[in-house]
């Protein structure tokens, strides 16, 4: 596949607790190409969020190698955008000021970039609105725009649509794909939703727990835009579901001996 933008090699992460050691990630190897959209799925406790936080530079104390464009990730930075499940907007700031964050809107270049992002996330007319005046989906669009302001090399999304209703979630999936195609930003998207993983990703990475490791990586060779009702989509969905059910079986087997 050539040189990867993100290269994860032999990644291991362990947490020390009062009850003992917990191996959150075990020998994880993953390469992500520039402009790729990778979705990560797995049961609770399999290390999905931990993996994302390590790539973001928000978590350390691991062994192995995690590099972005050949440089070891040593901490957070503007080259990595992060979207949480909660939008985490500042309630006292308007949409445009939340997007600008600590940059002055009076600066011509900042103003232009903020206006472009408002157009990109389809929030024209809501520039002066406050978070309390927005729906959940609109607030997440503001969070995505804020993360894109500094043109990150990679955007990391940790179940950003998990708290949304089904209709809004489907709409946000389409909005995110529009943003991805327009900006060509490399994305890693963590989710519990199999349909969402197949609908969005070029590849689906399936993690299994105890310890957290990659069970399988399934390429999704479907053109965009995708329709969830097509036979080809459902075939790939079943392929992912089959792997996911095997993970559930492993969990039950592990749990039986506890």
Protein backbone atom coordinates (compact mmCIF):
# COMPACT_ATOMS: atom_id res chain seq x y z
CA UNK A 1 0.00 0.00 0.00
CA UNK A 2 3.02 2.28 0.09
CA UNK A 3 4.04 4.59 2.93
CA UNK A 4 1.12 5.06 5.33
CA UNK A 5 0.13 8.41 6.79
CA UNK A 6 -0.55 6.70 10.13
CA UNK A 7 1.48 3.64 11.07
CA UNK A 8 0.74 1.67 14.24
CA UNK A 9 3.14 -1.16 14.97
CA UNK A 10 3.13 -3.69 17.82
CA UNK A 11 1.07 -1.35 20.01
CA UNK A 12 0.50 -2.53 23.57
CA UNK A 13 -1.26 -0.62 26.34
CA UNK A 14 -1.80 -1.85 29.89
CA UNK A 15 -3.67 -0.24 32.76
CA UNK A 16 -2.69 -0.99 36.34
CA UNK A 17 -5.68 -1.08 38.69
CA UNK A 18 -6.29 -2.08 42.30
CA UNK A 19 -7.67 -5.38 41.01
CA UNK A 20 -4.60 -6.06 38.87
CA UNK A 21 -3.42 -5.45 35.31
CA UNK A 22 -5.75 -4.85 32.40
CA UNK A 23 -4.32 -5.32 28.91
CA UNK A 24 -6.28 -2.70 26.95
CA UNK A 25 -4.47 -3.22 23.63
CA UNK A 26 -2.31 -6.13 22.51
CA UNK A 27 0.05 -6.21 19.52
CA UNK A 28 -2.07 -3.86 17.39
CA UNK A 29 -0.76 -3.29 13.86
CA UNK A 30 -2.62 -0.90 11.56
CA UNK A 31 -1.71 1.34 8.65
CA UNK A 32 -3.94 4.14 7.42
CA UNK A 33 -3.34 5.81 4.08
CA UNK A 34 -3.72 9.53 3.41
CA UNK A 35 -7.34 10.38 2.61
CA UNK A 36 -8.66 7.04 3.86
CA UNK A 37 -11.81 6.67 5.96
CA UNK A 38 -11.36 3.83 8.46
CA UNK A 39 -14.10 2.73 10.85
CA UNK A 40 -13.34 0.81 14.05
CA UNK A 41 -15.94 -1.40 15.70
CA UNK A 42 -16.00 -3.76 18.65
CA UNK A 43 -17.74 -4.46 21.98
CA UNK A 44 -17.36 -2.22 25.02
CA UNK A 45 -14.00 -2.62 26.69
CA UNK A 46 -12.10 -3.73 23.59
CA UNK A 47 -9.86 -0.62 23.53
CA UNK A 48 -11.45 1.39 20.70
CA UNK A 49 -11.37 4.71 22.55
CA UNK A 50 -7.94 3.96 24.02
CA UNK A 51 -6.58 3.38 20.51
CA UNK A 52 -8.05 6.69 19.34
CA UNK A 53 -6.67 8.58 22.34
CA UNK A 54 -3.17 7.19 21.73
CA UNK A 55 -3.29 8.31 18.09
CA UNK A 56 -4.49 11.73 19.27
CA UNK A 57 -1.55 11.98 21.66
CA UNK A 58 -3.92 12.14 24.65
CA UNK A 59 -2.77 8.84 26.17
CA UNK A 60 0.76 7.58 26.75
CA UNK A 61 2.47 4.84 28.69
CA UNK A 62 2.24 2.36 25.82
CA UNK A 63 4.83 0.26 24.06
CA UNK A 64 5.25 -0.01 20.32
CA UNK A 65 5.31 2.61 17.60
CA UNK A 66 2.64 5.11 16.53
CA UNK A 67 3.78 7.52 13.82
CA UNK A 68 2.06 10.21 11.77
CA UNK A 69 3.84 10.88 8.48
CA UNK A 70 6.87 9.06 9.85
CA UNK A 71 7.09 11.07 13.09
CA UNK A 72 6.42 9.40 16.44
CA UNK A 73 3.32 10.83 18.13
CA UNK A 74 4.42 12.34 21.42
CA UNK A 75 1.39 14.38 22.42
CA UNK A 76 -1.63 16.32 21.17
CA UNK A 77 -1.23 18.88 18.39
CA UNK A 78 -3.06 20.82 15.71
CA UNK A 79 -2.20 18.11 13.17
CA UNK A 80 -4.73 15.82 14.89
CA UNK A 81 -8.41 16.75 15.30
CA UNK A 82 -10.55 14.93 17.88
CA UNK A 83 -14.36 14.70 18.05
CA UNK A 84 -15.97 13.30 21.22
CA UNK A 85 -19.44 11.81 21.64
CA UNK A 86 -20.46 15.03 23.39
CA UNK A 87 -19.93 18.16 21.31
CA UNK A 88 -18.09 19.99 24.15
CA UNK A 89 -18.92 23.43 22.78
CA UNK A 90 -18.47 26.51 24.97
CA UNK A 91 -22.05 27.45 25.97
CA UNK A 92 -21.22 31.15 26.26
CA UNK A 93 -19.89 31.40 22.68
CA UNK A 94 -21.80 31.61 19.42
CA UNK A 95 -21.40 29.08 16.61
CA UNK A 96 -18.82 31.19 14.77
CA UNK A 97 -16.84 31.91 17.93
CA UNK A 98 -16.89 28.24 18.97
CA UNK A 99 -15.45 27.34 15.56
CA UNK A 100 -12.79 30.07 15.76
CA UNK A 101 -11.99 28.98 19.33
CA UNK A 102 -8.96 30.98 20.49
CA UNK A 103 -8.36 32.64 17.11
CA UNK A 104 -9.65 36.20 16.47
CA UNK A 105 -12.61 36.49 14.11
CA UNK A 106 -11.36 39.99 13.33
CA UNK A 107 -8.49 38.41 11.42
CA UNK A 108 -9.41 38.28 7.72
CA UNK A 109 -7.99 34.81 7.12
CA UNK A 110 -9.68 33.38 10.23
CA UNK A 111 -12.99 34.97 9.26
CA UNK A 112 -12.78 33.52 5.77
CA UNK A 113 -11.91 30.04 7.06
CA UNK A 114 -14.75 30.09 9.61
CA UNK A 115 -17.23 31.19 6.93
CA UNK A 116 -16.05 28.37 4.63
CA UNK A 117 -16.47 25.81 7.41
CA UNK A 118 -19.95 27.07 8.27
CA UNK A 119 -20.88 26.53 4.63
CA UNK A 120 -19.21 23.11 4.64
CA UNK A 121 -21.16 21.83 7.66
CA UNK A 122 -24.39 23.43 6.37
CA UNK A 123 -24.95 25.91 9.21
CA UNK A 124 -25.32 29.11 7.19
CA UNK A 125 -27.68 31.42 9.08
CA UNK A 126 -26.77 30.02 12.51
CA UNK A 127 -23.48 31.91 12.94
CA UNK A 128 -24.79 33.96 15.88
CA UNK A 129 -26.66 31.10 17.57
CA UNK A 130 -25.58 29.65 20.91
CA UNK A 131 -25.23 25.90 21.62
CA UNK A 132 -28.47 25.86 23.64
CA UNK A 133 -30.30 26.99 20.50
CA UNK A 134 -28.99 24.10 18.37
CA UNK A 135 -30.11 20.51 17.92
CA UNK A 136 -27.72 17.71 18.84
CA UNK A 137 -26.77 17.14 15.20
CA UNK A 138 -26.15 20.84 14.60
CA UNK A 139 -23.95 21.06 17.69
CA UNK A 140 -21.86 18.12 16.46
CA UNK A 141 -21.47 19.85 13.10
CA UNK A 142 -20.05 22.86 14.94
CA UNK A 143 -17.63 20.54 16.77
CA UNK A 144 -16.51 19.02 13.46
CA UNK A 145 -16.01 22.47 11.94
CA UNK A 146 -13.94 23.52 14.96
CA UNK A 147 -11.75 20.43 14.62
CA UNK A 148 -11.18 21.19 10.91
CA UNK A 149 -10.24 24.85 11.42
CA UNK A 150 -6.51 24.22 11.57
CA UNK A 151 -6.53 21.71 8.69
CA UNK A 152 -5.54 18.61 10.71
CA UNK A 153 -3.79 15.79 8.90
CA UNK A 154 -6.12 13.29 10.54
CA UNK A 155 -9.56 13.56 12.16
CA UNK A 156 -10.37 11.14 14.99
CA UNK A 157 -14.03 10.61 15.87
CA UNK A 158 -15.04 8.72 19.02
CA UNK A 159 -18.69 7.67 18.58
CA UNK A 160 -19.70 11.24 17.68
CA UNK A 161 -23.27 10.29 16.69
CA UNK A 162 -23.95 7.83 19.51
CA UNK A 163 -26.29 10.15 21.42
CA UNK A 164 -28.35 11.20 18.37
CA UNK A 165 -31.72 9.84 17.28
CA UNK A 166 -31.80 7.51 14.26
CA UNK A 167 -32.97 10.14 11.76
CA UNK A 168 -30.40 12.75 12.85
CA UNK A 169 -27.69 10.10 12.95
CA UNK A 170 -28.37 9.07 9.34
CA UNK A 171 -28.30 12.72 8.28
CA UNK A 172 -25.00 13.32 10.10
CA UNK A 173 -23.43 10.30 8.41
CA UNK A 174 -24.21 11.86 5.03
CA UNK A 175 -22.92 15.27 6.17
CA UNK A 176 -19.66 13.71 7.39
CA UNK A 177 -19.14 11.90 4.08
CA UNK A 178 -19.69 15.18 2.23
CA UNK A 179 -17.03 16.81 4.43
CA UNK A 180 -14.64 13.90 3.89
CA UNK A 181 -15.03 13.98 0.12
CA UNK A 182 -14.67 17.78 0.01
CA UNK A 183 -11.69 18.10 2.35
CA UNK A 184 -10.11 14.68 1.70
CA UNK A 185 -9.16 14.57 5.38
CA UNK A 186 -7.96 11.20 6.69
CA UNK A 187 -10.51 9.92 9.23
CA UNK A 188 -10.71 7.21 11.87
CA UNK A 189 -14.22 6.73 13.20
CA UNK A 190 -15.07 4.61 16.26
CA UNK A 191 -18.60 3.22 16.50
CA UNK A 192 -20.73 0.43 17.99
CA UNK A 193 -23.05 0.49 14.97
CA UNK A 194 -22.33 -2.07 12.23
CA UNK A 195 -24.48 -0.29 9.63
CA UNK A 196 -22.67 2.97 10.37
CA UNK A 197 -19.26 1.30 10.06
CA UNK A 198 -20.08 -0.20 6.65
CA UNK A 199 -21.86 2.92 5.40
CA UNK A 200 -18.91 5.22 6.14
CA UNK A 201 -15.68 3.29 5.90
CA UNK A 202 -13.25 2.25 3.19
CA UNK A 203 -12.24 -0.45 5.68
CA UNK A 204 -13.82 -1.77 8.87
CA UNK A 205 -11.42 -2.71 11.67
CA UNK A 206 -12.96 -5.23 14.09
CA UNK A 207 -11.52 -5.33 17.61
CA UNK A 208 -12.00 -8.08 20.17
CA UNK A 209 -11.57 -7.62 23.95
CA UNK A 210 -9.47 -9.12 26.73
CA UNK A 211 -6.97 -8.28 25.48
CA UNK A 212 -7.97 -5.66 22.91
CA UNK A 213 -6.61 -6.71 19.54
CA UNK A 214 -7.55 -6.65 15.88
CA UNK A 215 -9.63 -9.66 14.91
CA UNK A 216 -10.10 -8.75 11.25
CA UNK A 217 -9.99 -5.87 8.77
CA UNK A 218 -12.69 -5.96 6.11
CA UNK A 219 -12.40 -3.76 2.99
CA UNK A 220 -15.67 -2.10 1.93
CA UNK A 221 -15.47 -1.96 -1.85
CA UNK A 222 -18.72 -0.09 -2.43
CA UNK A 223 -18.99 3.20 -4.33
CA UNK A 224 -20.32 6.31 -2.61
CA UNK A 225 -23.07 7.29 -2.01
CA UNK A 226 -24.10 3.99 -0.45
CA UNK A 227 -27.60 2.70 0.15
CA UNK A 228 -28.16 0.46 3.14
CA UNK A 229 -30.97 -1.42 1.39
CA UNK A 230 -28.88 -2.75 -1.51
CA UNK A 231 -27.90 -6.41 -1.70
CA UNK A 232 -24.18 -5.59 -1.87
CA UNK A 233 -24.40 -3.46 1.27
CA UNK A 234 -26.30 -6.15 3.16
CA UNK A 235 -23.78 -8.80 2.11
CA UNK A 236 -20.91 -6.74 3.55
CA UNK A 237 -22.94 -5.94 6.64
CA UNK A 238 -23.47 -9.69 7.23
CA UNK A 239 -19.76 -10.30 6.72
CA UNK A 240 -18.94 -7.78 9.45
CA UNK A 241 -21.77 -9.05 11.66
CA UNK A 242 -20.43 -12.59 11.38
CA UNK A 243 -17.04 -11.46 12.69
CA UNK A 244 -18.72 -9.40 15.40
CA UNK A 245 -20.76 -12.38 16.57
CA UNK A 246 -17.57 -14.44 16.82
CA UNK A 247 -16.19 -11.72 19.08
CA UNK A 248 -19.32 -12.01 21.25
CA UNK A 249 -18.77 -15.77 21.45
CA UNK A 250 -15.21 -15.17 22.64
CA UNK A 251 -16.51 -12.82 25.34
CA UNK A 252 -18.99 -15.44 26.58
CA UNK A 253 -16.27 -18.10 26.60
CA UNK A 254 -13.91 -15.81 28.54
CA UNK A 255 -16.64 -14.80 30.95
CA UNK A 256 -17.59 -18.39 31.72
CA UNK A 257 -14.31 -18.96 33.48
CA UNK A 258 -14.39 -15.84 35.66
